[in-house]
Amino acid sequence: MQMKQLNHLGALVLALAIGAGNASAGQTDNHDHGHAHEHGSKGAISEGYFEDSQIQPRDLSDWAGEWQSVYGYLQDGTLDGVMAHKAEHGDKSAEEYRAYYEAGYKTDTSRILIDGEQVTFTSGSGSATGQYQADGYEVLTYSKGNRGVRYVFKKLSGDAAAPGFIQFSDHIIAPQKSGHYHLYWGDDRQALLGELDHWPTFYPAALSGEQIASEMMAH
């Protein structure tokens, strides 16, 4: 991704945003929101079943560290076993799952470094850094009845190429260190919620592709 393209939208589902702690509204969900979290019994928070009273604000420190995109591993075949595993347990062929994740994972941002309030996006063309502060959370309601929480951070200062807003989704709804996440970024806070097919996904940079594949299949 050219760094000027960092301002393009990267989002997950069509949903209606609410202010932190306000009531949510139902929306259609073209993304099954279960690509990395097919484990657990129905009713689990990680599956999107929770009460409003369980939602808590989170700090950027929950996502601190260096992270790598999984898109390259999909492209080079490292995740082929994951696609085959999904085909065995799902309703699509391995090729159909691969096409689905190709659209979802696609990004030229290969690395993200989160250090304090600073977030640095790195691609083949360079890096862009912004300073971010918490800007509440959004509750999304999906068509099958489960929900998700999007944690939002707003840029205070930094490079022009760094996006105005970043939104984290990791199926966690209270302070806890994240193991991996989907990140959506752009300059329009509300418009981010309208992108249906694009949810770049990041795992710790220290993990190998094989380790990431094993984690995905364990879920």
N, C-alpha and C. Protein backbone atom coordinates (compact mmCIF):
# COMPACT_ATOMS: atom_id res chain seq x y z
N MET A 1 0.85 -1.20 0.00
CA MET A 1 0.00 0.00 0.00
C MET A 1 0.88 1.24 0.00
N GLN A 2 0.66 2.13 -0.92
CA GLN A 2 1.31 3.42 -0.82
C GLN A 2 0.85 4.08 0.46
N MET A 3 1.75 4.82 1.13
CA MET A 3 1.38 5.36 2.43
C MET A 3 0.22 6.33 2.34
N LYS A 4 0.07 6.99 1.15
CA LYS A 4 -1.08 7.88 1.03
C LYS A 4 -2.38 7.10 1.05
N GLN A 5 -2.26 5.77 0.78
CA GLN A 5 -3.47 4.96 0.78
C GLN A 5 -3.84 4.49 2.16
N LEU A 6 -3.02 4.80 3.16
CA LEU A 6 -3.37 4.41 4.53
C LEU A 6 -4.66 5.05 4.97
N ASN A 7 -5.03 6.14 4.29
CA ASN A 7 -6.26 6.82 4.68
C ASN A 7 -7.51 6.16 4.10
N HIS A 8 -7.29 5.15 3.26
CA HIS A 8 -8.45 4.44 2.70
C HIS A 8 -9.14 3.65 3.80
N LEU A 9 -10.38 3.38 3.60
CA LEU A 9 -11.15 2.66 4.62
C LEU A 9 -10.68 1.23 4.72
N GLY A 10 -10.68 0.70 5.94
CA GLY A 10 -10.47 -0.72 6.19
C GLY A 10 -11.45 -1.11 7.27
N ALA A 11 -12.52 -1.80 6.92
CA ALA A 11 -13.56 -2.05 7.93
C ALA A 11 -14.13 -3.43 7.76
N LEU A 12 -15.04 -3.81 8.62
CA LEU A 12 -15.52 -5.19 8.70
C LEU A 12 -16.97 -5.37 8.33
N VAL A 13 -17.91 -4.75 8.97
CA VAL A 13 -19.31 -5.08 8.77
C VAL A 13 -20.15 -3.82 8.69
N LEU A 14 -21.31 -3.94 8.02
CA LEU A 14 -22.28 -2.87 8.04
C LEU A 14 -22.95 -2.87 9.39
N ALA A 15 -22.88 -1.75 10.10
CA ALA A 15 -23.44 -1.70 11.45
C ALA A 15 -23.76 -0.27 11.79
N LEU A 16 -24.52 -0.12 12.85
CA LEU A 16 -24.88 1.21 13.32
C LEU A 16 -24.09 1.48 14.58
N ALA A 17 -23.31 2.56 14.56
CA ALA A 17 -22.47 2.86 15.71
C ALA A 17 -23.31 3.47 16.82
N ILE A 18 -22.85 3.23 18.04
CA ILE A 18 -23.42 3.92 19.18
C ILE A 18 -22.30 4.52 19.99
N GLY A 19 -22.62 5.49 20.80
CA GLY A 19 -21.63 6.03 21.73
C GLY A 19 -21.38 5.01 22.81
N ALA A 20 -20.24 5.10 23.46
CA ALA A 20 -19.88 4.13 24.48
C ALA A 20 -20.97 4.05 25.53
N GLY A 21 -21.50 2.84 25.68
CA GLY A 21 -22.49 2.60 26.72
C GLY A 21 -23.92 2.85 26.30
N ASN A 22 -24.17 3.35 25.08
CA ASN A 22 -25.55 3.60 24.65
C ASN A 22 -26.13 2.35 24.01
N ALA A 23 -27.42 2.39 23.66
CA ALA A 23 -28.10 1.20 23.12
C ALA A 23 -27.66 0.94 21.69
N SER A 24 -27.61 -0.35 21.31
CA SER A 24 -27.22 -0.73 19.95
C SER A 24 -28.44 -1.01 19.11
N ALA A 25 -28.23 -1.06 17.78
CA ALA A 25 -29.34 -1.35 16.87
C ALA A 25 -28.92 -2.46 15.93
N GLY A 26 -29.86 -3.32 15.51
CA GLY A 26 -29.56 -4.45 14.65
C GLY A 26 -29.22 -4.02 13.25
N GLN A 27 -28.28 -4.78 12.63
CA GLN A 27 -27.89 -4.53 11.27
C GLN A 27 -27.64 -5.86 10.60
N THR A 28 -27.64 -5.85 9.25
CA THR A 28 -27.25 -7.04 8.53
C THR A 28 -25.75 -7.20 8.64
N ASP A 29 -25.28 -8.46 8.47
CA ASP A 29 -23.86 -8.75 8.62
C ASP A 29 -23.44 -9.71 7.53
N ASN A 30 -22.75 -9.21 6.50
CA ASN A 30 -22.33 -10.06 5.42
C ASN A 30 -21.07 -10.83 5.74
N HIS A 31 -20.41 -10.50 6.82
CA HIS A 31 -19.23 -11.21 7.27
C HIS A 31 -19.65 -12.08 8.44
N ASP A 32 -19.29 -13.37 8.42
CA ASP A 32 -19.83 -14.28 9.44
C ASP A 32 -19.24 -14.02 10.81
N HIS A 33 -18.19 -13.21 10.89
CA HIS A 33 -17.60 -12.82 12.16
C HIS A 33 -17.21 -14.03 12.99
N GLY A 34 -16.88 -15.12 12.30
CA GLY A 34 -16.47 -16.31 13.01
C GLY A 34 -15.22 -16.91 12.39
N HIS A 35 -14.53 -16.15 11.54
CA HIS A 35 -13.40 -16.67 10.79
C HIS A 35 -12.26 -17.11 11.67
N ALA A 36 -12.05 -16.46 12.80
CA ALA A 36 -10.93 -16.83 13.67
C ALA A 36 -11.40 -17.28 15.03
N HIS A 37 -12.70 -17.38 15.21
CA HIS A 37 -13.22 -17.66 16.55
C HIS A 37 -14.38 -18.65 16.47
N GLU A 38 -14.13 -19.80 15.87
CA GLU A 38 -15.17 -20.79 15.74
C GLU A 38 -15.23 -21.72 16.94
N HIS A 39 -14.35 -21.47 17.94
CA HIS A 39 -14.32 -22.31 19.13
C HIS A 39 -15.31 -21.79 20.16
N GLY A 40 -15.51 -22.55 21.20
CA GLY A 40 -16.33 -22.08 22.32
C GLY A 40 -17.79 -22.42 22.12
N SER A 41 -18.52 -22.48 23.20
CA SER A 41 -19.94 -22.79 23.14
C SER A 41 -20.75 -21.54 22.88
N LYS A 42 -21.95 -21.73 22.34
CA LYS A 42 -22.83 -20.60 22.11
C LYS A 42 -23.12 -19.93 23.45
N GLY A 43 -23.03 -18.65 23.47
CA GLY A 43 -23.21 -17.92 24.71
C GLY A 43 -21.92 -17.33 25.22
N ALA A 44 -20.78 -17.75 24.63
CA ALA A 44 -19.49 -17.22 25.07
C ALA A 44 -19.31 -15.80 24.57
N ILE A 45 -18.61 -14.99 25.36
CA ILE A 45 -18.32 -13.61 24.95
C ILE A 45 -17.57 -13.60 23.63
N SER A 46 -16.60 -14.51 23.46
CA SER A 46 -15.82 -14.54 22.22
C SER A 46 -16.67 -14.84 21.00
N GLU A 47 -17.85 -15.42 21.22
CA GLU A 47 -18.77 -15.69 20.12
C GLU A 47 -19.78 -14.56 19.93
N GLY A 48 -19.69 -13.52 20.75
CA GLY A 48 -20.55 -12.36 20.57
C GLY A 48 -21.82 -12.37 21.38
N TYR A 49 -21.85 -13.13 22.46
CA TYR A 49 -23.03 -13.17 23.33
C TYR A 49 -22.66 -12.61 24.70
N PHE A 50 -23.14 -11.41 24.98
CA PHE A 50 -22.79 -10.72 26.22
C PHE A 50 -23.83 -9.65 26.51
N GLU A 51 -23.79 -9.14 27.73
CA GLU A 51 -24.68 -8.06 28.15
C GLU A 51 -23.95 -6.73 28.05
N ASP A 52 -24.70 -5.65 27.86
CA ASP A 52 -24.09 -4.32 27.82
C ASP A 52 -23.26 -4.05 29.07
N SER A 53 -23.73 -4.55 30.20
CA SER A 53 -23.05 -4.29 31.47
C SER A 53 -21.67 -4.92 31.54
N GLN A 54 -21.40 -5.87 30.64
CA GLN A 54 -20.10 -6.54 30.64
C GLN A 54 -19.05 -5.77 29.84
N ILE A 55 -19.48 -4.83 29.01
CA ILE A 55 -18.55 -4.08 28.17
C ILE A 55 -17.80 -3.05 29.00
N GLN A 56 -16.48 -2.99 28.84
CA GLN A 56 -15.66 -2.02 29.55
C GLN A 56 -14.73 -1.31 28.57
N PRO A 57 -14.38 -0.06 28.86
CA PRO A 57 -13.40 0.64 28.03
C PRO A 57 -12.05 -0.08 28.07
N ARG A 58 -11.26 0.13 27.03
CA ARG A 58 -9.93 -0.48 26.97
C ARG A 58 -8.91 0.55 26.53
N ASP A 59 -7.69 0.38 27.01
CA ASP A 59 -6.58 1.26 26.64
C ASP A 59 -5.82 0.69 25.45
N LEU A 60 -5.09 1.56 24.77
CA LEU A 60 -4.30 1.13 23.63
C LEU A 60 -3.24 0.10 24.04
N SER A 61 -2.89 0.09 25.30
CA SER A 61 -1.89 -0.87 25.79
C SER A 61 -2.33 -2.32 25.62
N ASP A 62 -3.63 -2.56 25.48
CA ASP A 62 -4.10 -3.93 25.23
C ASP A 62 -3.58 -4.48 23.91
N TRP A 63 -3.19 -3.58 23.00
CA TRP A 63 -2.68 -3.99 21.69
C TRP A 63 -1.21 -3.59 21.50
N ALA A 64 -0.52 -3.29 22.59
CA ALA A 64 0.88 -2.86 22.50
C ALA A 64 1.75 -3.97 21.92
N GLY A 65 2.78 -3.55 21.19
CA GLY A 65 3.73 -4.50 20.63
C GLY A 65 3.86 -4.38 19.13
N GLU A 66 4.60 -5.31 18.55
CA GLU A 66 4.80 -5.34 17.10
C GLU A 66 3.97 -6.47 16.51
N TRP A 67 3.26 -6.14 15.44
CA TRP A 67 2.29 -7.07 14.85
C TRP A 67 2.56 -7.23 13.36
N GLN A 68 2.23 -8.40 12.84
CA GLN A 68 2.40 -8.69 11.42
C GLN A 68 1.06 -9.04 10.78
N SER A 69 0.91 -8.62 9.53
CA SER A 69 -0.27 -9.00 8.77
C SER A 69 -0.19 -10.48 8.40
N VAL A 70 -1.34 -11.14 8.36
CA VAL A 70 -1.36 -12.54 7.95
C VAL A 70 -1.59 -12.69 6.45
N TYR A 71 -1.77 -11.58 5.75
CA TYR A 71 -2.11 -11.66 4.33
C TYR A 71 -1.04 -12.38 3.52
N GLY A 72 0.23 -12.09 3.81
CA GLY A 72 1.31 -12.74 3.08
C GLY A 72 1.31 -14.25 3.23
N TYR A 73 0.91 -14.73 4.40
CA TYR A 73 0.86 -16.17 4.63
C TYR A 73 -0.27 -16.83 3.85
N LEU A 74 -1.34 -16.09 3.63
CA LEU A 74 -2.41 -16.61 2.78
C LEU A 74 -1.92 -16.71 1.34
N GLN A 75 -1.18 -15.70 0.90
CA GLN A 75 -0.70 -15.66 -0.47
C GLN A 75 0.33 -16.74 -0.77
N ASP A 76 1.23 -17.02 0.21
CA ASP A 76 2.32 -17.96 -0.08
C ASP A 76 1.98 -19.41 0.23
N GLY A 77 0.73 -19.67 0.64
CA GLY A 77 0.31 -21.04 0.86
C GLY A 77 0.44 -21.54 2.29
N THR A 78 1.02 -20.74 3.18
CA THR A 78 1.20 -21.17 4.56
C THR A 78 -0.14 -21.49 5.23
N LEU A 79 -1.19 -20.79 4.82
CA LEU A 79 -2.50 -20.99 5.43
C LEU A 79 -3.40 -21.94 4.64
N ASP A 80 -2.82 -22.66 3.68
CA ASP A 80 -3.63 -23.61 2.90
C ASP A 80 -4.28 -24.66 3.80
N GLY A 81 -3.53 -25.12 4.80
CA GLY A 81 -4.08 -26.11 5.72
C GLY A 81 -5.25 -25.57 6.52
N VAL A 82 -5.19 -24.27 6.82
CA VAL A 82 -6.29 -23.63 7.55
C VAL A 82 -7.54 -23.61 6.68
N MET A 83 -7.36 -23.30 5.40
CA MET A 83 -8.51 -23.27 4.50
C MET A 83 -9.11 -24.67 4.34
N ALA A 84 -8.26 -25.68 4.27
CA ALA A 84 -8.75 -27.05 4.16
C ALA A 84 -9.50 -27.45 5.43
N HIS A 85 -8.96 -27.03 6.57
CA HIS A 85 -9.60 -27.32 7.86
C HIS A 85 -10.99 -26.68 7.93
N LYS A 86 -11.08 -25.44 7.46
CA LYS A 86 -12.37 -24.76 7.47
C LYS A 86 -13.37 -25.45 6.54
N ALA A 87 -12.87 -25.93 5.40
CA ALA A 87 -13.75 -26.61 4.45
C ALA A 87 -14.31 -27.90 5.05
N GLU A 88 -13.51 -28.57 5.88
CA GLU A 88 -13.97 -29.81 6.51
C GLU A 88 -15.10 -29.56 7.50
N HIS A 89 -15.09 -28.37 8.09
CA HIS A 89 -16.05 -28.08 9.16
C HIS A 89 -17.09 -27.03 8.77
N GLY A 90 -16.95 -26.45 7.58
CA GLY A 90 -17.84 -25.37 7.18
C GLY A 90 -18.70 -25.72 5.98
N ASP A 91 -19.23 -24.67 5.34
CA ASP A 91 -20.15 -24.87 4.23
C ASP A 91 -19.59 -24.37 2.91
N LYS A 92 -18.27 -24.16 2.84
CA LYS A 92 -17.62 -23.72 1.61
C LYS A 92 -16.47 -24.66 1.29
N SER A 93 -16.02 -24.63 0.04
CA SER A 93 -14.83 -25.37 -0.34
C SER A 93 -13.60 -24.61 0.13
N ALA A 94 -12.44 -25.27 0.13
CA ALA A 94 -11.21 -24.60 0.52
C ALA A 94 -10.94 -23.41 -0.40
N GLU A 95 -11.24 -23.57 -1.69
CA GLU A 95 -11.02 -22.47 -2.64
C GLU A 95 -11.94 -21.29 -2.34
N GLU A 96 -13.17 -21.59 -1.96
CA GLU A 96 -14.12 -20.52 -1.63
C GLU A 96 -13.70 -19.80 -0.35
N TYR A 97 -13.22 -20.56 0.63
CA TYR A 97 -12.73 -19.92 1.85
C TYR A 97 -11.52 -19.05 1.55
N ARG A 98 -10.64 -19.54 0.68
CA ARG A 98 -9.46 -18.76 0.36
C ARG A 98 -9.84 -17.43 -0.29
N ALA A 99 -10.80 -17.46 -1.20
CA ALA A 99 -11.25 -16.23 -1.84
C ALA A 99 -11.86 -15.27 -0.82
N TYR A 100 -12.61 -15.82 0.11
CA TYR A 100 -13.23 -15.02 1.17
C TYR A 100 -12.18 -14.32 2.02
N TYR A 101 -11.15 -15.08 2.42
CA TYR A 101 -10.11 -14.50 3.25
C TYR A 101 -9.15 -13.62 2.46
N GLU A 102 -9.00 -13.90 1.18
CA GLU A 102 -8.21 -13.01 0.33
C GLU A 102 -8.78 -11.60 0.36
N ALA A 103 -10.10 -11.50 0.24
CA ALA A 103 -10.74 -10.18 0.29
C ALA A 103 -10.64 -9.57 1.68
N GLY A 104 -10.78 -10.40 2.71
CA GLY A 104 -10.77 -9.88 4.07
C GLY A 104 -9.40 -9.45 4.55
N TYR A 105 -8.39 -10.27 4.29
CA TYR A 105 -7.04 -10.02 4.80
C TYR A 105 -6.26 -8.99 3.99
N LYS A 106 -6.64 -8.74 2.76
CA LYS A 106 -5.81 -7.98 1.82
C LYS A 106 -5.38 -6.63 2.38
N THR A 107 -4.08 -6.40 2.38
CA THR A 107 -3.51 -5.12 2.81
C THR A 107 -2.05 -5.07 2.42
N ASP A 108 -1.55 -3.88 2.14
CA ASP A 108 -0.13 -3.69 1.91
C ASP A 108 0.60 -3.28 3.19
N THR A 109 -0.14 -3.12 4.27
CA THR A 109 0.48 -2.81 5.56
C THR A 109 0.98 -4.12 6.16
N SER A 110 2.29 -4.29 6.18
CA SER A 110 2.87 -5.56 6.62
C SER A 110 3.13 -5.61 8.11
N ARG A 111 3.36 -4.45 8.73
CA ARG A 111 3.70 -4.39 10.15
C ARG A 111 2.97 -3.22 10.81
N ILE A 112 2.60 -3.43 12.07
CA ILE A 112 2.08 -2.35 12.91
C ILE A 112 2.81 -2.40 14.24
N LEU A 113 3.33 -1.27 14.66
CA LEU A 113 4.01 -1.16 15.95
C LEU A 113 3.21 -0.22 16.84
N ILE A 114 2.83 -0.69 18.01
CA ILE A 114 2.06 0.11 18.96
C ILE A 114 2.90 0.28 20.22
N ASP A 115 3.29 1.51 20.49
CA ASP A 115 4.18 1.82 21.61
C ASP A 115 3.63 3.03 22.34
N GLY A 116 3.05 2.82 23.51
CA GLY A 116 2.41 3.92 24.21
C GLY A 116 1.22 4.42 23.40
N GLU A 117 1.21 5.73 23.11
CA GLU A 117 0.14 6.31 22.30
C GLU A 117 0.47 6.33 20.82
N GLN A 118 1.66 5.87 20.45
CA GLN A 118 2.09 5.92 19.06
C GLN A 118 1.78 4.62 18.33
N VAL A 119 1.24 4.78 17.12
CA VAL A 119 0.97 3.63 16.25
C VAL A 119 1.67 3.89 14.92
N THR A 120 2.52 2.96 14.51
CA THR A 120 3.27 3.09 13.26
C THR A 120 2.83 2.01 12.28
N PHE A 121 2.41 2.44 11.10
CA PHE A 121 2.03 1.54 10.01
C PHE A 121 3.21 1.43 9.05
N THR A 122 3.60 0.22 8.69
CA THR A 122 4.72 0.01 7.78
C THR A 122 4.27 -0.81 6.58
N SER A 123 4.64 -0.33 5.40
CA SER A 123 4.39 -1.06 4.16
C SER A 123 5.67 -1.01 3.34
N GLY A 124 5.62 -1.57 2.14
CA GLY A 124 6.80 -1.58 1.29
C GLY A 124 7.28 -0.20 0.90
N SER A 125 6.41 0.78 0.97
CA SER A 125 6.77 2.13 0.55
C SER A 125 7.20 3.03 1.70
N GLY A 126 7.18 2.53 2.92
CA GLY A 126 7.61 3.35 4.05
C GLY A 126 6.72 3.20 5.25
N SER A 127 6.86 4.14 6.19
CA SER A 127 6.10 4.08 7.44
C SER A 127 5.39 5.40 7.70
N ALA A 128 4.33 5.34 8.47
CA ALA A 128 3.60 6.52 8.92
C ALA A 128 3.21 6.30 10.37
N THR A 129 3.40 7.34 11.18
CA THR A 129 3.15 7.23 12.62
C THR A 129 2.18 8.30 13.08
N GLY A 130 1.28 7.92 13.96
CA GLY A 130 0.36 8.87 14.57
C GLY A 130 0.28 8.65 16.07
N GLN A 131 -0.12 9.70 16.77
CA GLN A 131 -0.39 9.59 18.21
C GLN A 131 -1.89 9.50 18.38
N TYR A 132 -2.37 8.51 19.12
CA TYR A 132 -3.80 8.23 19.21
C TYR A 132 -4.28 8.22 20.66
N GLN A 133 -5.54 8.63 20.82
CA GLN A 133 -6.18 8.54 22.14
C GLN A 133 -7.53 7.84 22.00
N ALA A 134 -7.99 7.24 23.08
CA ALA A 134 -9.26 6.51 23.07
C ALA A 134 -10.41 7.42 22.70
N ASP A 135 -11.32 6.90 21.87
CA ASP A 135 -12.49 7.65 21.42
C ASP A 135 -13.75 6.80 21.56
N GLY A 136 -13.80 6.04 22.64
CA GLY A 136 -14.99 5.25 22.92
C GLY A 136 -15.02 3.92 22.21
N TYR A 137 -16.19 3.32 22.19
CA TYR A 137 -16.37 2.05 21.50
C TYR A 137 -17.71 2.04 20.78
N GLU A 138 -17.82 1.13 19.82
CA GLU A 138 -19.05 0.96 19.06
C GLU A 138 -19.54 -0.47 19.24
N VAL A 139 -20.82 -0.64 19.47
CA VAL A 139 -21.41 -1.97 19.58
C VAL A 139 -22.11 -2.29 18.26
N LEU A 140 -21.76 -3.43 17.68
CA LEU A 140 -22.34 -3.86 16.41
C LEU A 140 -23.23 -5.07 16.66
N THR A 141 -24.41 -5.07 16.07
CA THR A 141 -25.31 -6.22 16.18
C THR A 141 -25.41 -6.89 14.82
N TYR A 142 -25.16 -8.20 14.77
CA TYR A 142 -25.11 -8.95 13.53
C TYR A 142 -26.43 -9.67 13.27
N SER A 143 -26.61 -10.07 12.03
CA SER A 143 -27.89 -10.63 11.61
C SER A 143 -28.24 -11.93 12.32
N LYS A 144 -27.24 -12.70 12.74
CA LYS A 144 -27.55 -13.97 13.41
C LYS A 144 -27.80 -13.79 14.91
N GLY A 145 -27.75 -12.54 15.38
CA GLY A 145 -28.12 -12.26 16.76
C GLY A 145 -26.98 -12.02 17.71
N ASN A 146 -25.76 -12.33 17.30
CA ASN A 146 -24.63 -12.04 18.18
C ASN A 146 -24.13 -10.62 17.94
N ARG A 147 -23.19 -10.18 18.77
CA ARG A 147 -22.74 -8.79 18.71
C ARG A 147 -21.21 -8.71 18.79
N GLY A 148 -20.70 -7.55 18.48
CA GLY A 148 -19.27 -7.29 18.61
C GLY A 148 -19.04 -5.89 19.11
N VAL A 149 -17.85 -5.66 19.65
CA VAL A 149 -17.48 -4.33 20.14
C VAL A 149 -16.26 -3.86 19.37
N ARG A 150 -16.34 -2.68 18.83
CA ARG A 150 -15.24 -2.06 18.10
C ARG A 150 -14.66 -0.95 18.99
N TYR A 151 -13.38 -1.05 19.33
CA TYR A 151 -12.72 -0.04 20.15
C TYR A 151 -12.04 0.98 19.25
N VAL A 152 -12.37 2.26 19.46
CA VAL A 152 -11.99 3.33 18.54
C VAL A 152 -10.94 4.23 19.17
N PHE A 153 -9.94 4.62 18.35
CA PHE A 153 -8.91 5.56 18.78
C PHE A 153 -8.76 6.63 17.70
N LYS A 154 -8.63 7.87 18.14
CA LYS A 154 -8.57 9.03 17.25
C LYS A 154 -7.17 9.61 17.23
N LYS A 155 -6.70 9.99 16.03
CA LYS A 155 -5.37 10.57 15.91
C LYS A 155 -5.35 11.99 16.46
N LEU A 156 -4.37 12.26 17.31
CA LEU A 156 -4.17 13.60 17.85
C LEU A 156 -3.14 14.38 17.05
N SER A 157 -2.12 13.68 16.59
CA SER A 157 -1.04 14.32 15.84
C SER A 157 -0.28 13.23 15.11
N GLY A 158 0.64 13.67 14.24
CA GLY A 158 1.47 12.69 13.54
C GLY A 158 1.51 12.91 12.04
N ASP A 159 2.01 11.93 11.34
CA ASP A 159 2.16 12.03 9.89
C ASP A 159 0.81 12.13 9.20
N ALA A 160 0.78 12.89 8.12
CA ALA A 160 -0.47 13.05 7.38
C ALA A 160 -0.98 11.72 6.85
N ALA A 161 -0.07 10.80 6.53
CA ALA A 161 -0.48 9.52 5.97
C ALA A 161 -1.05 8.57 7.02
N ALA A 162 -0.85 8.86 8.29
CA ALA A 162 -1.44 8.02 9.34
C ALA A 162 -2.94 8.29 9.40
N PRO A 163 -3.77 7.25 9.50
CA PRO A 163 -5.22 7.44 9.44
C PRO A 163 -5.76 8.24 10.61
N GLY A 164 -6.88 8.92 10.39
CA GLY A 164 -7.50 9.72 11.44
C GLY A 164 -8.11 8.89 12.55
N PHE A 165 -8.55 7.68 12.20
CA PHE A 165 -9.17 6.78 13.18
C PHE A 165 -8.67 5.36 12.96
N ILE A 166 -8.51 4.63 14.06
CA ILE A 166 -8.26 3.20 13.99
C ILE A 166 -9.26 2.52 14.91
N GLN A 167 -9.73 1.35 14.49
CA GLN A 167 -10.74 0.62 15.26
C GLN A 167 -10.30 -0.84 15.38
N PHE A 168 -10.26 -1.33 16.61
CA PHE A 168 -9.84 -2.70 16.89
C PHE A 168 -11.05 -3.59 17.15
N SER A 169 -11.01 -4.80 16.63
CA SER A 169 -11.98 -5.84 16.98
C SER A 169 -11.20 -7.12 17.24
N ASP A 170 -11.33 -7.66 18.45
CA ASP A 170 -10.63 -8.90 18.79
C ASP A 170 -11.49 -9.85 19.59
N HIS A 171 -12.80 -9.61 19.61
CA HIS A 171 -13.75 -10.49 20.29
C HIS A 171 -13.54 -10.48 21.80
N ILE A 172 -12.95 -9.41 22.29
CA ILE A 172 -12.76 -9.18 23.72
C ILE A 172 -13.48 -7.89 24.06
N ILE A 173 -14.15 -7.81 25.21
CA ILE A 173 -14.99 -6.64 25.51
C ILE A 173 -14.63 -5.98 26.84
N ALA A 174 -13.45 -6.30 27.37
CA ALA A 174 -12.98 -5.70 28.62
C ALA A 174 -11.46 -5.71 28.59
N PRO A 175 -10.81 -4.94 29.45
CA PRO A 175 -9.34 -4.87 29.42
C PRO A 175 -8.69 -6.25 29.47
N GLN A 176 -7.89 -6.52 28.46
CA GLN A 176 -7.17 -7.80 28.36
C GLN A 176 -6.19 -7.68 27.20
N LYS A 177 -4.99 -8.23 27.36
CA LYS A 177 -4.02 -8.22 26.29
C LYS A 177 -4.53 -9.04 25.11
N SER A 178 -4.47 -8.46 23.93
CA SER A 178 -4.98 -9.12 22.74
C SER A 178 -3.97 -10.10 22.18
N GLY A 179 -4.47 -11.24 21.67
CA GLY A 179 -3.62 -12.23 21.03
C GLY A 179 -3.53 -12.02 19.53
N HIS A 180 -4.54 -11.47 18.93
CA HIS A 180 -4.56 -11.04 17.54
C HIS A 180 -5.80 -10.17 17.36
N TYR A 181 -5.86 -9.45 16.27
CA TYR A 181 -6.99 -8.53 16.09
C TYR A 181 -7.20 -8.22 14.63
N HIS A 182 -8.39 -7.69 14.36
CA HIS A 182 -8.73 -7.12 13.07
C HIS A 182 -8.68 -5.60 13.25
N LEU A 183 -8.07 -4.91 12.30
CA LEU A 183 -7.93 -3.46 12.42
C LEU A 183 -8.55 -2.78 11.21
N TYR A 184 -9.32 -1.74 11.49
CA TYR A 184 -9.99 -0.95 10.46
C TYR A 184 -9.54 0.48 10.61
N TRP A 185 -9.16 1.12 9.51
CA TRP A 185 -8.62 2.46 9.62
C TRP A 185 -9.11 3.35 8.49
N GLY A 186 -9.19 4.64 8.78
CA GLY A 186 -9.63 5.62 7.80
C GLY A 186 -9.82 6.96 8.47
N ASP A 187 -10.28 7.94 7.72
CA ASP A 187 -10.44 9.29 8.24
C ASP A 187 -11.88 9.63 8.61
N ASP A 188 -12.82 8.75 8.30
CA ASP A 188 -14.23 8.99 8.61
C ASP A 188 -14.69 7.92 9.59
N ARG A 189 -14.88 8.31 10.83
CA ARG A 189 -15.21 7.37 11.90
C ARG A 189 -16.45 6.55 11.59
N GLN A 190 -17.49 7.21 11.12
CA GLN A 190 -18.75 6.53 10.85
C GLN A 190 -18.68 5.68 9.58
N ALA A 191 -18.02 6.21 8.56
CA ALA A 191 -17.96 5.49 7.29
C ALA A 191 -17.20 4.17 7.41
N LEU A 192 -16.30 4.07 8.37
CA LEU A 192 -15.58 2.82 8.57
C LEU A 192 -16.53 1.64 8.78
N LEU A 193 -17.70 1.93 9.34
CA LEU A 193 -18.64 0.86 9.65
C LEU A 193 -19.37 0.34 8.41
N GLY A 194 -19.20 1.00 7.27
CA GLY A 194 -19.91 0.60 6.07
C GLY A 194 -19.18 -0.38 5.18
N GLU A 195 -17.90 -0.61 5.42
CA GLU A 195 -17.13 -1.56 4.61
C GLU A 195 -17.43 -2.98 5.06
N LEU A 196 -17.89 -3.82 4.12
CA LEU A 196 -18.37 -5.16 4.47
C LEU A 196 -17.32 -6.26 4.35
N ASP A 197 -16.34 -6.06 3.51
CA ASP A 197 -15.54 -7.19 3.07
C ASP A 197 -14.06 -7.13 3.43
N HIS A 198 -13.64 -6.14 4.17
CA HIS A 198 -12.21 -5.91 4.36
C HIS A 198 -11.88 -5.79 5.84
N TRP A 199 -11.13 -6.75 6.39
CA TRP A 199 -10.80 -6.77 7.82
C TRP A 199 -9.37 -7.26 8.01
N PRO A 200 -8.37 -6.44 7.65
CA PRO A 200 -6.97 -6.84 7.83
C PRO A 200 -6.73 -7.37 9.24
N THR A 201 -5.98 -8.46 9.30
CA THR A 201 -5.82 -9.20 10.55
C THR A 201 -4.34 -9.29 10.91
N PHE A 202 -4.05 -9.08 12.19
CA PHE A 202 -2.67 -8.99 12.65
C PHE A 202 -2.42 -9.91 13.85
N TYR A 203 -1.27 -10.60 13.78
CA TYR A 203 -0.79 -11.48 14.85
C TYR A 203 0.56 -10.97 15.34
N PRO A 204 1.01 -11.40 16.51
CA PRO A 204 2.32 -10.95 17.01
C PRO A 204 3.43 -11.22 16.00
N ALA A 205 4.32 -10.26 15.83
CA ALA A 205 5.39 -10.37 14.84
C ALA A 205 6.35 -11.50 15.15
N ALA A 206 6.42 -11.93 16.41
CA ALA A 206 7.36 -12.98 16.79
C ALA A 206 6.91 -14.37 16.33
N LEU A 207 5.66 -14.53 15.96
CA LEU A 207 5.15 -15.84 15.54
C LEU A 207 5.53 -16.15 14.10
N SER A 208 5.83 -17.41 13.82
CA SER A 208 6.05 -17.84 12.45
C SER A 208 4.70 -18.08 11.77
N GLY A 209 4.74 -18.21 10.46
CA GLY A 209 3.50 -18.49 9.75
C GLY A 209 2.89 -19.81 10.17
N GLU A 210 3.75 -20.80 10.42
CA GLU A 210 3.26 -22.11 10.85
C GLU A 210 2.59 -22.02 12.23
N GLN A 211 3.15 -21.22 13.12
CA GLN A 211 2.54 -21.04 14.44
C GLN A 211 1.18 -20.36 14.33
N ILE A 212 1.09 -19.37 13.45
CA ILE A 212 -0.19 -18.69 13.25
C ILE A 212 -1.22 -19.67 12.69
N ALA A 213 -0.81 -20.47 11.72
CA ALA A 213 -1.74 -21.45 11.14
C ALA A 213 -2.23 -22.43 12.21
N SER A 214 -1.33 -22.86 13.08
CA SER A 214 -1.73 -23.78 14.15
C SER A 214 -2.73 -23.14 15.09
N GLU A 215 -2.50 -21.86 15.42
CA GLU A 215 -3.44 -21.15 16.29
C GLU A 215 -4.82 -21.04 15.63
N MET A 216 -4.82 -20.73 14.34
CA MET A 216 -6.10 -20.59 13.64
C MET A 216 -6.87 -21.90 13.64
N MET A 217 -6.17 -23.02 13.43
CA MET A 217 -6.86 -24.30 13.38
C MET A 217 -7.29 -24.76 14.77
N ALA A 218 -6.59 -24.32 15.79
CA ALA A 218 -6.98 -24.66 17.16
C ALA A 218 -8.28 -23.99 17.54
N HIS A 219 -8.61 -22.86 16.86
CA HIS A 219 -9.84 -22.14 17.13
C HIS A 219 -10.99 -22.68 16.29
